[in-house]
Amino acid sequence: MKYNAKLPKEGINTPKENFLFSFFKLIISLVLSIIVFYIIITIIINTTMNYLPNSYEKKLVNFIRKNLSKKEYKQNKYLQNIVDKMQKCSNIPYKVKIYTEDKDMINAFALPSGEILVTSALLAKMRNENELAFIVGHELGHLKHRDNFKDFTKSLIFSSVSLFLGDEYRQILSSALNITKSRYSQSQELAADKFGVDDVACAYGGVNGVNQFFQNMKKKDSWRYILADHPDFKKRIEEMKRHIIANKYNTKNTLLPIKN
């Protein structure tokens, strides 16, 4: 048989798809995989934490509390009285403590050690005790829902995963997680808001003043909250109003003055 040499077809070494299109398709697939992985891990951790015995949680809180430095924190008897009053309604299995910190940033947050930290800047914005009680109730909601333990566990898992990735993939993982975490954190915040409303209604006999802080902090540029950990103030106010109406809470109870 005689061999007839032939030239290869044109474009045989050229990919059928555009390189940039293939690259973006790969990135999108990777991001979607990370988001799905995050959701699966979140479901597993939430389910596990929801069944965590109160006795184990109490031991865990006490362990973290012993190893937490409080050199910059100050105790406040008045705030502690509010916490004690609110905690009677929250059914948290350990004593919650509250501290203040001298900072210009308006903030309050719950620590994994079962403690609440409030900045001096936030306290300066408070106009009555009812408004302050809601802030406390919101943070008690995070403790009640074990949000800190859930977030800490997820951070530990994803930090371990990132150790096995290259720098470029680590950056993609971080960006995808930030997008997904921001939406999940917003749902946590809304749940804590409703818990705070319930706690104030129980401890104060009504919910007058619970949304004053958000009313004061409300901004027009709510678009910046799309990728933020917290929902915009307008949405939070609307959700709280619906929750108050649904539960038929008293909205005309007396507003108590702040005690110095």
C-alpha atoms as a PDB file:
ATOM      1  CA  MET A   1       0.000   0.000   0.000  1.00  0.00           C
ATOM      2  CA  LYS A   2       1.355   3.353  -0.964  1.00  0.00           C
ATOM      3  CA  TYR A   3       1.377   6.004   1.773  1.00  0.00           C
ATOM      4  CA  ASN A   4       0.041   9.399   0.746  1.00  0.00           C
ATOM      5  CA  ALA A   5       1.242  12.169   3.060  1.00  0.00           C
ATOM      6  CA  LYS A   6      -1.398  14.713   4.031  1.00  0.00           C
ATOM      7  CA  LEU A   7      -1.211  18.003   5.809  1.00  0.00           C
ATOM      8  CA  PRO A   8      -3.117  18.155   9.140  1.00  0.00           C
ATOM      9  CA  LYS A   9      -6.356  20.051   9.233  1.00  0.00           C
ATOM     10  CA  GLU A  10      -6.092  23.731  10.041  1.00  0.00           C
ATOM     11  CA  GLY A  11      -6.726  24.687  13.645  1.00  0.00           C
ATOM     12  CA  ILE A  12      -6.086  21.189  15.012  1.00  0.00           C
ATOM     13  CA  ASN A  13      -4.026  22.618  17.902  1.00  0.00           C
ATOM     14  CA  THR A  14      -6.362  25.531  18.514  1.00  0.00           C
ATOM     15  CA  PRO A  15      -8.917  25.065  21.324  1.00  0.00           C
ATOM     16  CA  LYS A  16     -12.526  25.174  20.212  1.00  0.00           C
ATOM     17  CA  GLU A  17     -13.439  27.608  22.989  1.00  0.00           C
ATOM     18  CA  ASN A  18     -11.991  31.057  23.498  1.00  0.00           C
ATOM     19  CA  PHE A  19      -9.271  31.023  26.174  1.00  0.00           C
ATOM     20  CA  LEU A  20     -10.837  33.834  28.227  1.00  0.00           C
ATOM     21  CA  PHE A  21     -14.234  32.143  28.068  1.00  0.00           C
ATOM     22  CA  SER A  22     -12.722  28.872  29.307  1.00  0.00           C
ATOM     23  CA  PHE A  23     -10.897  30.703  32.083  1.00  0.00           C
ATOM     24  CA  PHE A  24     -13.997  32.500  33.342  1.00  0.00           C
ATOM     25  CA  LYS A  25     -16.010  29.285  33.117  1.00  0.00           C
ATOM     26  CA  LEU A  26     -13.407  27.592  35.294  1.00  0.00           C
ATOM     27  CA  ILE A  27     -13.465  30.440  37.843  1.00  0.00           C
ATOM     28  CA  ILE A  28     -17.272  30.465  37.999  1.00  0.00           C
ATOM     29  CA  SER A  29     -17.342  26.687  38.468  1.00  0.00           C
ATOM     30  CA  LEU A  30     -14.787  26.972  41.263  1.00  0.00           C
ATOM     31  CA  VAL A  31     -16.701  29.769  43.024  1.00  0.00           C
ATOM     32  CA  LEU A  32     -19.981  27.844  42.763  1.00  0.00           C
ATOM     33  CA  SER A  33     -18.277  24.743  44.169  1.00  0.00           C
ATOM     34  CA  ILE A  34     -16.962  26.776  47.124  1.00  0.00           C
ATOM     35  CA  ILE A  35     -20.410  28.248  47.785  1.00  0.00           C
ATOM     36  CA  VAL A  36     -22.020  24.795  47.715  1.00  0.00           C
ATOM     37  CA  PHE A  37     -19.280  23.498  50.025  1.00  0.00           C
ATOM     38  CA  TYR A  38     -19.877  26.431  52.391  1.00  0.00           C
ATOM     39  CA  ILE A  39     -23.613  25.757  52.482  1.00  0.00           C
ATOM     40  CA  ILE A  40     -23.070  22.052  53.201  1.00  0.00           C
ATOM     41  CA  ILE A  41     -20.579  22.795  56.000  1.00  0.00           C
ATOM     42  CA  THR A  42     -22.955  25.425  57.422  1.00  0.00           C
ATOM     43  CA  ILE A  43     -25.851  22.963  57.511  1.00  0.00           C
ATOM     44  CA  ILE A  44     -23.690  20.320  59.222  1.00  0.00           C
ATOM     45  CA  ILE A  45     -22.308  22.763  61.821  1.00  0.00           C
ATOM     46  CA  ASN A  46     -25.699  24.338  62.536  1.00  0.00           C
ATOM     47  CA  THR A  47     -27.300  20.940  63.019  1.00  0.00           C
ATOM     48  CA  THR A  48     -24.471  19.808  65.292  1.00  0.00           C
ATOM     49  CA  MET A  49     -24.462  23.015  67.343  1.00  0.00           C
ATOM     50  CA  ASN A  50     -28.233  22.996  67.758  1.00  0.00           C
ATOM     51  CA  TYR A  51     -27.955  19.641  69.498  1.00  0.00           C
ATOM     52  CA  LEU A  52     -24.982  20.660  71.625  1.00  0.00           C
ATOM     53  CA  PRO A  53     -25.864  19.923  75.298  1.00  0.00           C
ATOM     54  CA  ASN A  54     -26.151  22.954  77.563  1.00  0.00           C
ATOM     55  CA  SER A  55     -23.654  21.377  79.983  1.00  0.00           C
ATOM     56  CA  TYR A  56     -21.022  21.110  77.234  1.00  0.00           C
ATOM     57  CA  GLU A  57     -21.671  24.687  76.092  1.00  0.00           C
ATOM     58  CA  LYS A  58     -21.282  25.939  79.660  1.00  0.00           C
ATOM     59  CA  LYS A  59     -17.922  24.148  80.026  1.00  0.00           C
ATOM     60  CA  LEU A  60     -16.754  25.535  76.694  1.00  0.00           C
ATOM     61  CA  VAL A  61     -17.743  29.079  77.679  1.00  0.00           C
ATOM     62  CA  ASN A  62     -15.969  28.801  81.036  1.00  0.00           C
ATOM     63  CA  PHE A  63     -12.809  27.495  79.334  1.00  0.00           C
ATOM     64  CA  ILE A  64     -12.684  30.401  76.857  1.00  0.00           C
ATOM     65  CA  ARG A  65     -13.576  32.907  79.558  1.00  0.00           C
ATOM     66  CA  LYS A  66     -10.579  31.866  81.693  1.00  0.00           C
ATOM     67  CA  ASN A  67      -8.210  32.445  78.779  1.00  0.00           C
ATOM     68  CA  LEU A  68      -9.646  35.793  77.665  1.00  0.00           C
ATOM     69  CA  SER A  69      -7.720  38.953  78.465  1.00  0.00           C
ATOM     70  CA  LYS A  70      -9.932  41.752  79.773  1.00  0.00           C
ATOM     71  CA  LYS A  71      -7.284  44.377  80.512  1.00  0.00           C
ATOM     72  CA  GLU A  72      -8.942  46.977  78.268  1.00  0.00           C
ATOM     73  CA  TYR A  73     -12.491  46.143  79.350  1.00  0.00           C
ATOM     74  CA  LYS A  74     -14.415  47.810  82.152  1.00  0.00           C
ATOM     75  CA  GLN A  75     -17.236  46.403  84.235  1.00  0.00           C
ATOM     76  CA  ASN A  76     -20.443  48.412  84.496  1.00  0.00           C
ATOM     77  CA  LYS A  77     -22.924  47.586  87.260  1.00  0.00           C
ATOM     78  CA  TYR A  78     -25.828  49.380  85.548  1.00  0.00           C
ATOM     79  CA  LEU A  79     -25.316  47.488  82.295  1.00  0.00           C
ATOM     80  CA  GLN A  80     -24.910  44.229  84.186  1.00  0.00           C
ATOM     81  CA  ASN A  81     -28.283  44.805  85.872  1.00  0.00           C
ATOM     82  CA  ILE A  82     -29.874  45.191  82.414  1.00  0.00           C
ATOM     83  CA  VAL A  83     -28.206  41.975  81.230  1.00  0.00           C
ATOM     84  CA  ASP A  84     -29.378  40.093  84.327  1.00  0.00           C
ATOM     85  CA  LYS A  85     -32.902  41.375  83.795  1.00  0.00           C
ATOM     86  CA  MET A  86     -32.886  40.389  80.128  1.00  0.00           C
ATOM     87  CA  GLN A  87     -31.252  37.019  80.717  1.00  0.00           C
ATOM     88  CA  LYS A  88     -34.174  35.869  82.850  1.00  0.00           C
ATOM     89  CA  CYS A  89     -36.162  35.812  79.604  1.00  0.00           C
ATOM     90  CA  SER A  90     -33.461  34.421  77.298  1.00  0.00           C
ATOM     91  CA  ASN A  91     -32.879  31.023  78.941  1.00  0.00           C
ATOM     92  CA  ILE A  92     -29.102  30.987  78.356  1.00  0.00           C
ATOM     93  CA  PRO A  93     -27.470  28.223  80.480  1.00  0.00           C
ATOM     94  CA  TYR A  94     -24.613  30.359  81.874  1.00  0.00           C
ATOM     95  CA  LYS A  95     -24.283  33.808  83.406  1.00  0.00           C
ATOM     96  CA  VAL A  96     -23.686  36.451  80.747  1.00  0.00           C
ATOM     97  CA  LYS A  97     -21.341  39.295  81.677  1.00  0.00           C
ATOM     98  CA  ILE A  98     -21.055  42.693  80.004  1.00  0.00           C
ATOM     99  CA  TYR A  99     -18.108  45.058  79.654  1.00  0.00           C
ATOM    100  CA  THR A 100     -17.450  48.444  78.104  1.00  0.00           C
ATOM    101  CA  GLU A 101     -14.511  49.539  75.998  1.00  0.00           C
ATOM    102  CA  ASP A 102     -13.375  53.109  75.293  1.00  0.00           C
ATOM    103  CA  LYS A 103     -13.568  53.295  71.499  1.00  0.00           C
ATOM    104  CA  ASP A 104     -14.827  55.811  68.953  1.00  0.00           C
ATOM    105  CA  MET A 105     -16.377  53.028  66.870  1.00  0.00           C
ATOM    106  CA  ILE A 106     -20.104  52.484  67.439  1.00  0.00           C
ATOM    107  CA  ASN A 107     -20.292  48.773  68.111  1.00  0.00           C
ATOM    108  CA  ALA A 108     -21.460  45.971  70.377  1.00  0.00           C
ATOM    109  CA  PHE A 109     -20.745  42.287  69.996  1.00  0.00           C
ATOM    110  CA  ALA A 110     -20.965  38.981  71.825  1.00  0.00           C
ATOM    111  CA  LEU A 111     -17.809  37.015  72.557  1.00  0.00           C
ATOM    112  CA  PRO A 112     -17.500  33.206  72.405  1.00  0.00           C
ATOM    113  CA  SER A 113     -16.796  33.385  76.136  1.00  0.00           C
ATOM    114  CA  GLY A 114     -20.433  34.276  76.784  1.00  0.00           C
ATOM    115  CA  GLU A 115     -19.764  37.960  77.328  1.00  0.00           C
ATOM    116  CA  ILE A 116     -21.002  41.144  75.680  1.00  0.00           C
ATOM    117  CA  LEU A 117     -18.743  44.064  74.837  1.00  0.00           C
ATOM    118  CA  VAL A 118     -20.170  47.559  74.254  1.00  0.00           C
ATOM    119  CA  THR A 119     -18.127  50.541  73.108  1.00  0.00           C
ATOM    120  CA  SER A 120     -18.332  53.954  74.755  1.00  0.00           C
ATOM    121  CA  ALA A 121     -19.284  55.476  71.385  1.00  0.00           C
ATOM    122  CA  LEU A 122     -22.390  53.289  71.197  1.00  0.00           C
ATOM    123  CA  LEU A 123     -23.406  54.113  74.772  1.00  0.00           C
ATOM    124  CA  ALA A 124     -23.167  57.811  73.898  1.00  0.00           C
ATOM    125  CA  LYS A 125     -25.815  57.271  71.188  1.00  0.00           C
ATOM    126  CA  MET A 126     -28.347  55.690  73.539  1.00  0.00           C
ATOM    127  CA  ARG A 127     -31.301  57.926  74.501  1.00  0.00           C
ATOM    128  CA  ASN A 128     -33.175  55.631  76.872  1.00  0.00           C
ATOM    129  CA  GLU A 129     -32.805  52.293  78.646  1.00  0.00           C
ATOM    130  CA  ASN A 130     -35.302  50.534  76.374  1.00  0.00           C
ATOM    131  CA  GLU A 131     -33.156  51.316  73.346  1.00  0.00           C
ATOM    132  CA  LEU A 132     -30.073  50.062  75.183  1.00  0.00           C
ATOM    133  CA  ALA A 133     -31.940  46.938  76.321  1.00  0.00           C
ATOM    134  CA  PHE A 134     -32.632  46.038  72.705  1.00  0.00           C
ATOM    135  CA  ILE A 135     -28.910  46.205  71.874  1.00  0.00           C
ATOM    136  CA  VAL A 136     -28.260  43.884  74.817  1.00  0.00           C
ATOM    137  CA  GLY A 137     -31.095  41.591  73.717  1.00  0.00           C
ATOM    138  CA  HIS A 138     -29.693  41.439  70.196  1.00  0.00           C
ATOM    139  CA  GLU A 139     -26.316  40.249  71.495  1.00  0.00           C
ATOM    140  CA  LEU A 140     -28.027  37.772  73.806  1.00  0.00           C
ATOM    141  CA  GLY A 141     -29.690  36.444  70.661  1.00  0.00           C
ATOM    142  CA  HIS A 142     -26.279  35.685  69.149  1.00  0.00           C
ATOM    143  CA  LEU A 143     -25.298  33.828  72.314  1.00  0.00           C
ATOM    144  CA  LYS A 144     -28.589  31.958  72.423  1.00  0.00           C
ATOM    145  CA  HIS A 145     -28.266  30.901  68.766  1.00  0.00           C
ATOM    146  CA  ARG A 146     -24.588  29.958  69.314  1.00  0.00           C
ATOM    147  CA  ASP A 147     -23.595  32.099  66.326  1.00  0.00           C
ATOM    148  CA  ASN A 148     -20.072  32.690  67.640  1.00  0.00           C
ATOM    149  CA  PHE A 149     -19.330  28.991  68.039  1.00  0.00           C
ATOM    150  CA  LYS A 150     -20.713  28.294  64.555  1.00  0.00           C
ATOM    151  CA  ASP A 151     -18.650  31.050  62.927  1.00  0.00           C
ATOM    152  CA  PHE A 152     -15.504  30.027  64.816  1.00  0.00           C
ATOM    153  CA  THR A 153     -15.868  26.387  63.729  1.00  0.00           C
ATOM    154  CA  LYS A 154     -16.426  27.343  60.085  1.00  0.00           C
ATOM    155  CA  SER A 155     -13.423  29.674  60.102  1.00  0.00           C
ATOM    156  CA  LEU A 156     -11.286  26.866  61.500  1.00  0.00           C
ATOM    157  CA  ILE A 157     -12.407  24.440  58.768  1.00  0.00           C
ATOM    158  CA  PHE A 158     -11.877  26.835  55.859  1.00  0.00           C
ATOM    159  CA  SER A 159      -8.537  28.033  57.237  1.00  0.00           C
ATOM    160  CA  SER A 160      -7.397  24.407  57.288  1.00  0.00           C
ATOM    161  CA  VAL A 161      -8.586  23.889  53.695  1.00  0.00           C
ATOM    162  CA  SER A 162      -6.754  27.014  52.477  1.00  0.00           C
ATOM    163  CA  LEU A 163      -3.425  25.607  53.722  1.00  0.00           C
ATOM    164  CA  PHE A 164      -3.524  23.054  50.896  1.00  0.00           C
ATOM    165  CA  LEU A 165      -4.218  25.624  48.168  1.00  0.00           C
ATOM    166  CA  GLY A 166      -1.946  27.861  46.151  1.00  0.00           C
ATOM    167  CA  ASP A 167      -2.018  31.628  46.582  1.00  0.00           C
ATOM    168  CA  GLU A 168      -4.254  32.240  43.555  1.00  0.00           C
ATOM    169  CA  TYR A 169      -6.818  29.639  44.650  1.00  0.00           C
ATOM    170  CA  ARG A 170      -6.619  30.868  48.226  1.00  0.00           C
ATOM    171  CA  GLN A 171      -7.650  34.347  47.060  1.00  0.00           C
ATOM    172  CA  ILE A 172     -10.567  32.918  45.074  1.00  0.00           C
ATOM    173  CA  LEU A 173     -11.619  30.873  48.138  1.00  0.00           C
ATOM    174  CA  SER A 174     -11.448  33.976  50.352  1.00  0.00           C
ATOM    175  CA  SER A 175     -13.535  36.096  47.939  1.00  0.00           C
ATOM    176  CA  ALA A 176     -16.184  33.420  47.462  1.00  0.00           C
ATOM    177  CA  LEU A 177     -16.419  32.826  51.205  1.00  0.00           C
ATOM    178  CA  ASN A 178     -16.786  36.546  51.915  1.00  0.00           C
ATOM    179  CA  ILE A 179     -19.714  36.792  49.490  1.00  0.00           C
ATOM    180  CA  THR A 180     -21.443  33.716  50.921  1.00  0.00           C
ATOM    181  CA  LYS A 181     -20.682  34.549  54.541  1.00  0.00           C
ATOM    182  CA  SER A 182     -22.048  38.071  54.186  1.00  0.00           C
ATOM    183  CA  ARG A 183     -25.483  36.776  53.147  1.00  0.00           C
ATOM    184  CA  TYR A 184     -25.490  34.148  55.896  1.00  0.00           C
ATOM    185  CA  SER A 185     -24.392  36.714  58.506  1.00  0.00           C
ATOM    186  CA  GLN A 186     -27.270  38.969  57.502  1.00  0.00           C
ATOM    187  CA  SER A 187     -29.749  36.190  58.305  1.00  0.00           C
ATOM    188  CA  GLN A 188     -28.034  35.776  61.684  1.00  0.00           C
ATOM    189  CA  GLU A 189     -28.415  39.490  62.379  1.00  0.00           C
ATOM    190  CA  LEU A 190     -32.124  39.515  61.483  1.00  0.00           C
ATOM    191  CA  ALA A 191     -32.717  36.502  63.754  1.00  0.00           C
ATOM    192  CA  ALA A 192     -30.850  38.247  66.592  1.00  0.00           C
ATOM    193  CA  ASP A 193     -32.965  41.384  66.038  1.00  0.00           C
ATOM    194  CA  LYS A 194     -36.184  39.407  66.501  1.00  0.00           C
ATOM    195  CA  PHE A 195     -34.765  37.694  69.573  1.00  0.00           C
ATOM    196  CA  GLY A 196     -33.882  41.117  71.012  1.00  0.00           C
ATOM    197  CA  VAL A 197     -37.429  42.358  70.406  1.00  0.00           C
ATOM    198  CA  ASP A 198     -38.850  39.284  72.163  1.00  0.00           C
ATOM    199  CA  ASP A 199     -36.453  39.729  75.085  1.00  0.00           C
ATOM    200  CA  VAL A 200     -37.326  43.409  75.551  1.00  0.00           C
ATOM    201  CA  ALA A 201     -41.051  42.625  75.379  1.00  0.00           C
ATOM    202  CA  CYS A 202     -40.587  40.012  78.098  1.00  0.00           C
ATOM    203  CA  ALA A 203     -38.355  42.087  80.394  1.00  0.00           C
ATOM    204  CA  TYR A 204     -40.009  45.508  79.941  1.00  0.00           C
ATOM    205  CA  GLY A 205     -43.617  44.645  79.191  1.00  0.00           C
ATOM    206  CA  GLY A 206     -43.464  46.247  75.738  1.00  0.00           C
ATOM    207  CA  VAL A 207     -41.242  47.106  72.806  1.00  0.00           C
ATOM    208  CA  ASN A 208     -41.380  50.890  72.755  1.00  0.00           C
ATOM    209  CA  GLY A 209     -37.979  52.252  71.663  1.00  0.00           C
ATOM    210  CA  VAL A 210     -36.510  49.050  70.233  1.00  0.00           C
ATOM    211  CA  ASN A 211     -35.962  50.455  66.741  1.00  0.00           C
ATOM    212  CA  GLN A 212     -34.815  53.953  67.727  1.00  0.00           C
ATOM    213  CA  PHE A 213     -31.142  53.073  67.320  1.00  0.00           C
ATOM    214  CA  PHE A 214     -31.645  51.843  63.755  1.00  0.00           C
ATOM    215  CA  GLN A 215     -33.801  54.873  62.969  1.00  0.00           C
ATOM    216  CA  ASN A 216     -30.943  57.138  64.045  1.00  0.00           C
ATOM    217  CA  MET A 217     -28.322  55.144  62.141  1.00  0.00           C
ATOM    218  CA  LYS A 218     -30.317  54.681  58.947  1.00  0.00           C
ATOM    219  CA  LYS A 219     -28.448  55.748  55.799  1.00  0.00           C
ATOM    220  CA  LYS A 220     -29.602  56.499  52.279  1.00  0.00           C
ATOM    221  CA  ASP A 221     -26.738  54.576  50.657  1.00  0.00           C
ATOM    222  CA  SER A 222     -28.118  51.150  51.573  1.00  0.00           C
ATOM    223  CA  TRP A 223     -26.522  49.611  48.464  1.00  0.00           C
ATOM    224  CA  ARG A 224     -23.238  49.305  50.343  1.00  0.00           C
ATOM    225  CA  TYR A 225     -24.816  46.636  52.545  1.00  0.00           C
ATOM    226  CA  ILE A 226     -25.156  44.168  49.664  1.00  0.00           C
ATOM    227  CA  LEU A 227     -21.843  42.537  50.586  1.00  0.00           C
ATOM    228  CA  ALA A 228     -21.845  43.649  54.228  1.00  0.00           C
ATOM    229  CA  ASP A 229     -22.214  41.365  57.225  1.00  0.00           C
ATOM    230  CA  HIS A 230     -25.236  43.354  58.429  1.00  0.00           C
ATOM    231  CA  PRO A 231     -28.496  44.087  56.585  1.00  0.00           C
ATOM    232  CA  ASP A 232     -29.259  47.748  55.894  1.00  0.00           C
ATOM    233  CA  PHE A 233     -31.080  49.588  58.668  1.00  0.00           C
ATOM    234  CA  LYS A 234     -34.253  50.104  56.631  1.00  0.00           C
ATOM    235  CA  LYS A 235     -34.675  46.363  56.116  1.00  0.00           C
ATOM    236  CA  ARG A 236     -34.006  45.655  59.799  1.00  0.00           C
ATOM    237  CA  ILE A 237     -36.597  48.211  60.892  1.00  0.00           C
ATOM    238  CA  GLU A 238     -39.194  46.763  58.522  1.00  0.00           C
ATOM    239  CA  GLU A 239     -38.525  43.201  59.694  1.00  0.00           C
ATOM    240  CA  MET A 240     -38.812  44.268  63.336  1.00  0.00           C
ATOM    241  CA  LYS A 241     -42.098  46.091  62.695  1.00  0.00           C
ATOM    242  CA  ARG A 242     -43.564  42.997  61.051  1.00  0.00           C
ATOM    243  CA  HIS A 243     -42.393  40.878  63.978  1.00  0.00           C
ATOM    244  CA  ILE A 244     -43.932  43.289  66.494  1.00  0.00           C
ATOM    245  CA  ILE A 245     -47.272  43.349  64.672  1.00  0.00           C
ATOM    246  CA  ALA A 246     -47.330  39.555  64.273  1.00  0.00           C
ATOM    247  CA  ASN A 247     -46.794  39.091  68.018  1.00  0.00           C
ATOM    248  CA  LYS A 248     -49.117  41.980  69.007  1.00  0.00           C
ATOM    249  CA  TYR A 249     -46.514  43.476  71.343  1.00  0.00           C
ATOM    250  CA  ASN A 250     -47.295  46.582  73.398  1.00  0.00           C
ATOM    251  CA  THR A 251     -45.646  49.613  71.758  1.00  0.00           C
ATOM    252  CA  LYS A 252     -46.689  52.257  74.272  1.00  0.00           C
ATOM    253  CA  ASN A 253     -44.866  51.156  77.420  1.00  0.00           C
ATOM    254  CA  THR A 254     -42.852  53.763  79.351  1.00  0.00           C
ATOM    255  CA  LEU A 255     -39.385  54.705  78.121  1.00  0.00           C
ATOM    256  CA  LEU A 256     -36.923  54.599  80.999  1.00  0.00           C
ATOM    257  CA  PRO A 257     -34.068  57.110  81.308  1.00  0.00           C
ATOM    258  CA  ILE A 258     -30.422  56.058  81.120  1.00  0.00           C
ATOM    259  CA  LYS A 259     -28.797  55.839  84.549  1.00  0.00           C
ATOM    260  CA  ASN A 260     -25.253  57.145  84.890  1.00  0.00           C
END
